[in-house]
N, C-alpha and C. Protein backbone atom coordinates (compact mmCIF):
# COMPACT_ATOMS: atom_id res chain seq x y z
N MET A 1 -16.07 13.43 -5.68
CA MET A 1 -14.67 13.49 -5.70
C MET A 1 -14.14 11.99 -5.66
N ALA A 2 -14.62 11.26 -4.89
CA ALA A 2 -14.15 9.82 -4.94
C ALA A 2 -14.46 9.11 -6.18
N ASP A 3 -15.49 9.50 -6.97
CA ASP A 3 -15.65 8.89 -8.29
C ASP A 3 -14.39 9.29 -9.18
N SER A 4 -14.10 10.53 -9.17
CA SER A 4 -12.89 10.90 -10.18
C SER A 4 -11.65 10.19 -9.77
N GLN A 5 -11.46 9.91 -8.35
CA GLN A 5 -10.27 9.22 -8.00
C GLN A 5 -10.39 7.78 -8.48
N ASN A 6 -11.47 7.09 -8.45
CA ASN A 6 -11.67 5.85 -8.98
C ASN A 6 -11.52 5.79 -10.45
N GLU A 7 -12.05 6.82 -11.09
CA GLU A 7 -11.70 6.93 -12.65
C GLU A 7 -10.27 6.87 -12.98
N ASN A 8 -9.50 7.79 -12.15
CA ASN A 8 -8.08 7.80 -12.38
C ASN A 8 -7.42 6.49 -12.17
N ILE A 9 -7.84 5.73 -11.07
CA ILE A 9 -7.33 4.43 -10.80
C ILE A 9 -7.62 3.38 -11.84
N ASP A 10 -8.95 3.39 -12.36
CA ASP A 10 -9.31 2.58 -13.41
C ASP A 10 -8.61 2.76 -14.76
N ALA A 11 -8.16 4.05 -14.94
CA ALA A 11 -7.57 4.33 -16.20
C ALA A 11 -6.10 3.90 -16.27
N THR A 12 -5.54 3.68 -15.09
CA THR A 12 -4.16 3.19 -15.11
C THR A 12 -4.08 1.72 -15.56
N GLN A 13 -2.91 1.45 -16.21
CA GLN A 13 -2.70 0.05 -16.73
C GLN A 13 -1.28 -0.40 -16.27
N PHE A 14 -1.18 -1.68 -16.13
CA PHE A 14 0.17 -2.23 -15.86
C PHE A 14 1.01 -2.38 -17.15
N VAL A 15 2.20 -1.98 -17.12
CA VAL A 15 3.13 -1.97 -18.18
C VAL A 15 4.37 -2.62 -17.83
N THR A 16 4.86 -3.63 -18.55
CA THR A 16 6.09 -4.33 -18.24
C THR A 16 7.18 -3.71 -19.09
N VAL A 17 8.31 -3.32 -18.44
CA VAL A 17 9.43 -2.73 -19.22
C VAL A 17 10.69 -3.34 -18.72
N ASP A 18 11.69 -3.34 -19.50
CA ASP A 18 13.04 -3.84 -19.29
C ASP A 18 13.99 -2.72 -19.16
N ILE A 19 14.67 -2.59 -17.98
CA ILE A 19 15.71 -1.51 -17.76
C ILE A 19 16.95 -2.30 -17.28
N TYR A 20 17.93 -2.18 -18.08
CA TYR A 20 19.27 -2.64 -17.63
C TYR A 20 19.18 -4.08 -17.27
N ASP A 21 18.55 -4.95 -18.20
CA ASP A 21 18.37 -6.33 -18.02
C ASP A 21 17.46 -6.81 -16.85
N GLN A 22 16.70 -5.87 -16.19
CA GLN A 22 15.80 -6.14 -15.23
C GLN A 22 14.30 -5.82 -15.75
N THR A 23 13.40 -6.65 -15.34
CA THR A 23 12.03 -6.47 -15.70
C THR A 23 11.32 -5.75 -14.64
N TYR A 24 10.54 -4.73 -14.91
CA TYR A 24 9.78 -3.99 -14.02
C TYR A 24 8.27 -3.92 -14.45
N ARG A 25 7.40 -4.19 -13.50
CA ARG A 25 5.89 -3.96 -13.84
C ARG A 25 5.49 -2.68 -13.25
N LEU A 26 5.20 -1.78 -14.10
CA LEU A 26 4.92 -0.42 -13.68
C LEU A 26 3.32 -0.14 -13.98
N ARG A 27 2.82 0.89 -13.22
CA ARG A 27 1.46 1.19 -13.51
C ARG A 27 1.37 2.68 -13.90
N GLY A 28 0.61 2.97 -14.82
CA GLY A 28 0.47 4.25 -15.39
C GLY A 28 -0.57 4.39 -16.43
N GLN A 29 -0.95 5.62 -16.83
CA GLN A 29 -2.11 5.98 -17.77
C GLN A 29 -1.67 5.88 -19.17
N ASP A 30 -0.34 6.00 -19.53
CA ASP A 30 0.08 6.05 -20.84
C ASP A 30 1.24 5.05 -21.08
N PRO A 31 0.94 3.88 -21.42
CA PRO A 31 1.96 2.87 -21.65
C PRO A 31 3.00 3.26 -22.58
N GLU A 32 2.77 3.92 -23.68
CA GLU A 32 3.72 4.23 -24.69
C GLU A 32 4.76 5.29 -23.98
N TYR A 33 4.28 6.16 -23.14
CA TYR A 33 5.10 7.14 -22.52
C TYR A 33 5.97 6.43 -21.49
N ILE A 34 5.46 5.51 -20.69
CA ILE A 34 6.30 4.71 -19.80
C ILE A 34 7.29 3.89 -20.50
N HIS A 35 7.09 3.35 -21.60
CA HIS A 35 8.11 2.76 -22.43
C HIS A 35 9.12 3.62 -22.80
N GLN A 36 8.77 4.84 -23.26
CA GLN A 36 9.81 5.90 -23.65
C GLN A 36 10.69 6.30 -22.48
N LEU A 37 10.11 6.42 -21.37
CA LEU A 37 10.82 6.80 -20.19
C LEU A 37 11.86 5.59 -19.75
N ALA A 38 11.39 4.49 -19.88
CA ALA A 38 12.17 3.26 -19.50
C ALA A 38 13.31 3.18 -20.57
N ASP A 39 13.04 3.47 -21.83
CA ASP A 39 14.03 3.41 -22.84
C ASP A 39 15.22 4.46 -22.46
N VAL A 40 14.78 5.58 -22.05
CA VAL A 40 15.82 6.66 -21.66
C VAL A 40 16.56 6.22 -20.50
N VAL A 41 15.96 5.66 -19.52
CA VAL A 41 16.67 5.10 -18.36
C VAL A 41 17.71 4.06 -18.77
N ASP A 42 17.14 3.06 -19.53
CA ASP A 42 18.03 1.99 -19.86
C ASP A 42 19.21 2.41 -20.71
N THR A 43 19.01 3.37 -21.73
CA THR A 43 20.05 3.88 -22.47
C THR A 43 21.09 4.61 -21.64
N LYS A 44 20.62 5.45 -20.74
CA LYS A 44 21.59 6.16 -19.84
C LYS A 44 22.35 5.20 -19.01
N MET A 45 21.73 4.17 -18.51
CA MET A 45 22.38 3.24 -17.56
C MET A 45 23.43 2.42 -18.45
N ARG A 46 23.13 2.03 -19.60
CA ARG A 46 24.12 1.41 -20.52
C ARG A 46 25.29 2.23 -20.87
N ALA A 47 25.03 3.51 -21.07
CA ALA A 47 26.18 4.51 -21.44
C ALA A 47 27.07 4.68 -20.24
N VAL A 48 26.46 4.76 -19.06
CA VAL A 48 27.27 4.86 -17.84
C VAL A 48 28.16 3.67 -17.65
N ALA A 49 27.46 2.46 -17.82
CA ALA A 49 28.15 1.21 -17.51
C ALA A 49 29.35 0.99 -18.47
N VAL A 50 29.25 1.43 -19.75
CA VAL A 50 30.21 1.35 -20.76
C VAL A 50 31.43 2.22 -20.33
N GLN A 51 31.13 3.36 -19.91
CA GLN A 51 32.18 4.31 -19.40
C GLN A 51 33.01 3.96 -18.21
N GLY A 52 32.16 3.35 -17.23
CA GLY A 52 32.77 3.01 -15.95
C GLY A 52 33.31 1.58 -15.87
N LYS A 53 33.91 1.28 -14.80
CA LYS A 53 34.43 -0.01 -14.46
C LYS A 53 33.58 -0.75 -13.67
N SER A 54 32.55 -0.25 -13.02
CA SER A 54 31.72 -0.86 -12.11
C SER A 54 30.67 -1.82 -12.76
N VAL A 55 30.36 -2.90 -12.33
CA VAL A 55 29.22 -3.65 -12.79
C VAL A 55 28.09 -3.78 -11.81
N ASP A 56 28.31 -3.01 -10.76
CA ASP A 56 27.28 -2.91 -9.64
C ASP A 56 26.03 -2.14 -10.22
N SER A 57 24.88 -2.74 -10.44
CA SER A 57 23.81 -2.17 -11.05
C SER A 57 23.21 -1.04 -10.20
N LEU A 58 23.34 -1.06 -8.93
CA LEU A 58 22.86 0.06 -8.14
C LEU A 58 23.82 1.31 -8.38
N ARG A 59 25.04 1.10 -8.45
CA ARG A 59 25.98 2.21 -8.70
C ARG A 59 25.73 2.74 -10.08
N VAL A 60 25.58 1.94 -11.06
CA VAL A 60 25.22 2.35 -12.40
C VAL A 60 23.88 3.19 -12.52
N ALA A 61 22.88 2.72 -11.67
CA ALA A 61 21.58 3.41 -11.58
C ALA A 61 21.80 4.81 -11.03
N VAL A 62 22.57 4.88 -9.92
CA VAL A 62 22.70 6.16 -9.32
C VAL A 62 23.46 7.07 -10.16
N LEU A 63 24.55 6.70 -10.86
CA LEU A 63 25.25 7.51 -11.79
C LEU A 63 24.39 7.99 -13.00
N ALA A 64 23.50 7.01 -13.46
CA ALA A 64 22.50 7.38 -14.51
C ALA A 64 21.64 8.42 -14.09
N ALA A 65 21.12 8.28 -12.82
CA ALA A 65 20.21 9.22 -12.30
C ALA A 65 20.89 10.56 -12.09
N LEU A 66 22.09 10.52 -11.72
CA LEU A 66 22.75 11.91 -11.57
C LEU A 66 22.94 12.51 -13.00
N ASN A 67 23.32 11.79 -13.98
CA ASN A 67 23.37 12.30 -15.42
C ASN A 67 21.99 12.82 -15.81
N ILE A 68 21.01 12.11 -15.55
CA ILE A 68 19.56 12.60 -16.03
C ILE A 68 19.27 13.86 -15.22
N ALA A 69 19.66 13.86 -13.87
CA ALA A 69 19.27 15.10 -13.14
C ALA A 69 20.07 16.26 -13.64
N ASP A 70 21.38 16.04 -14.01
CA ASP A 70 22.15 17.08 -14.52
C ASP A 70 21.55 17.69 -15.88
N GLU A 71 21.09 16.73 -16.80
CA GLU A 71 20.43 17.20 -18.00
C GLU A 71 19.14 17.99 -17.69
N LEU A 72 18.40 17.59 -16.72
CA LEU A 72 17.21 18.31 -16.34
C LEU A 72 17.54 19.74 -15.79
N ALA A 73 18.55 19.76 -14.87
CA ALA A 73 18.89 20.99 -14.29
C ALA A 73 19.40 22.03 -15.44
N SER A 74 20.12 21.45 -16.33
CA SER A 74 20.64 22.33 -17.45
C SER A 74 19.50 22.84 -18.26
N LEU A 75 18.46 21.96 -18.62
CA LEU A 75 17.37 22.47 -19.29
C LEU A 75 16.57 23.38 -18.60
N GLU A 76 16.38 23.21 -17.32
CA GLU A 76 15.64 24.17 -16.41
C GLU A 76 16.23 25.53 -16.48
N GLN A 77 17.58 25.52 -16.37
CA GLN A 77 18.33 26.76 -16.31
C GLN A 77 18.19 27.47 -17.61
N ARG A 78 18.33 26.71 -18.68
CA ARG A 78 18.21 27.34 -20.01
C ARG A 78 16.81 27.87 -20.23
N TYR A 79 15.73 27.10 -19.78
CA TYR A 79 14.38 27.56 -19.90
C TYR A 79 14.08 28.77 -19.06
N ASN A 80 14.60 28.79 -17.84
CA ASN A 80 14.41 29.89 -16.94
C ASN A 80 15.10 31.23 -17.51
N SER A 81 16.29 31.05 -18.14
CA SER A 81 16.90 32.27 -18.63
C SER A 81 16.22 32.76 -19.91
N LEU A 82 15.55 31.83 -20.76
CA LEU A 82 14.79 32.21 -21.91
C LEU A 82 13.48 32.95 -21.34
N MET A 83 12.95 32.30 -20.37
CA MET A 83 11.73 32.90 -19.85
C MET A 83 12.00 34.22 -19.21
N GLY A 84 13.15 34.37 -18.57
CA GLY A 84 13.44 35.76 -18.01
C GLY A 84 13.55 36.74 -19.08
N ALA A 85 14.21 36.36 -20.16
CA ALA A 85 14.37 37.36 -21.30
C ALA A 85 13.04 37.64 -21.95
N GLN A 86 12.15 36.66 -22.05
CA GLN A 86 10.84 36.88 -22.56
C GLN A 86 9.96 37.71 -21.60
N LYS A 87 10.15 37.53 -20.32
CA LYS A 87 9.37 38.33 -19.37
C LYS A 87 9.82 39.82 -19.43
N GLU A 88 11.09 39.96 -19.57
CA GLU A 88 11.59 41.35 -19.77
C GLU A 88 11.09 41.98 -21.07
N ASN A 89 10.99 41.24 -22.05
CA ASN A 89 10.47 41.71 -23.33
C ASN A 89 9.09 42.06 -23.26
N VAL A 90 8.25 41.22 -22.53
CA VAL A 90 6.87 41.55 -22.34
C VAL A 90 6.75 42.74 -21.44
N ARG A 91 7.48 42.85 -20.46
CA ARG A 91 7.48 44.12 -19.60
C ARG A 91 7.63 45.36 -20.36
N ASP A 92 8.76 45.28 -21.21
CA ASP A 92 8.94 46.52 -22.14
C ASP A 92 7.87 46.82 -23.08
N ARG A 93 7.30 45.79 -23.63
CA ARG A 93 6.15 46.05 -24.52
C ARG A 93 5.06 46.48 -23.96
N ALA A 94 4.73 45.97 -22.71
CA ALA A 94 3.53 46.46 -21.81
C ALA A 94 3.73 47.89 -21.56
N SER A 95 4.97 48.25 -21.15
CA SER A 95 5.35 49.64 -20.61
C SER A 95 5.01 50.63 -21.91
N ARG A 96 5.56 50.23 -23.07
CA ARG A 96 5.28 51.02 -24.30
C ARG A 96 3.86 51.16 -24.65
N LEU A 97 3.06 50.00 -24.58
CA LEU A 97 1.73 50.06 -24.85
C LEU A 97 0.93 50.87 -23.75
N ASN A 98 1.35 50.79 -22.56
CA ASN A 98 0.75 51.60 -21.58
C ASN A 98 1.03 53.13 -21.80
N GLY A 99 2.14 53.45 -22.34
CA GLY A 99 2.42 54.90 -22.69
C GLY A 99 1.58 55.32 -23.72
N LEU A 100 1.37 54.42 -24.85
CA LEU A 100 0.55 54.77 -25.91
C LEU A 100 -0.86 54.90 -25.56
N LEU A 101 -1.31 54.05 -24.68
CA LEU A 101 -2.70 54.21 -24.20
C LEU A 101 -2.94 55.45 -23.38
N ASP A 102 -1.92 55.78 -22.58
CA ASP A 102 -2.05 57.03 -21.81
C ASP A 102 -2.13 58.27 -22.81
N ALA A 103 -1.40 58.18 -23.82
CA ALA A 103 -1.37 59.22 -24.85
C ALA A 103 -2.66 59.36 -25.58
N VAL A 104 -3.26 58.28 -25.92
CA VAL A 104 -4.48 58.29 -26.54
C VAL A 104 -5.65 58.77 -25.70
N LEU A 105 -5.53 58.27 -24.45
CA LEU A 105 -6.70 58.70 -23.39
C LEU A 105 -6.44 60.12 -23.12
N SER A 106 -5.27 60.70 -23.10
CA SER A 106 -5.02 62.10 -22.83
C SER A 106 -5.59 62.97 -24.00
N GLU A 107 -5.36 62.48 -25.25
CA GLU A 107 -5.91 63.09 -26.42
C GLU A 107 -7.40 63.19 -26.36
N GLU A 108 -8.03 62.04 -26.04
CA GLU A 108 -9.45 61.93 -25.97
C GLU A 108 -10.05 62.98 -24.92
N ARG A 109 -9.33 63.12 -23.79
CA ARG A 109 -9.74 63.99 -22.78
C ARG A 109 -9.69 65.39 -23.25
N LYS A 110 -8.65 65.74 -24.07
CA LYS A 110 -8.46 67.05 -24.63
C LYS A 110 -9.64 67.40 -25.57
N ILE A 111 -9.97 66.41 -26.49
CA ILE A 111 -11.00 66.50 -27.39
C ILE A 111 -12.39 66.67 -26.81
N SER A 112 -12.61 65.96 -25.58
CA SER A 112 -13.97 66.00 -24.95
C SER A 112 -13.99 67.30 -24.23
């Protein structure tokens, strides 16, 4: 188990990203993905800064984080409602198939 932990540590790389005119050195296994995430955060922070009057980067970061959290919550809610509908559809189909299976088995018993 210790070997697999060492392999995971060895697979991580340092990646330098710029977010809202600040440079951060991050560590991860997928530099391209880390850059994509940093771009999302940077874009969101700049959008918040344009809309607001504050130049305080901490305030901009918190407002950007709230916007990102809101987007995530909306997506989760949409995903869960879709999954709920799909689960109901699967239950209905399973119930119908169960009825068909019962009918087939009942016919087989009559024939035997």
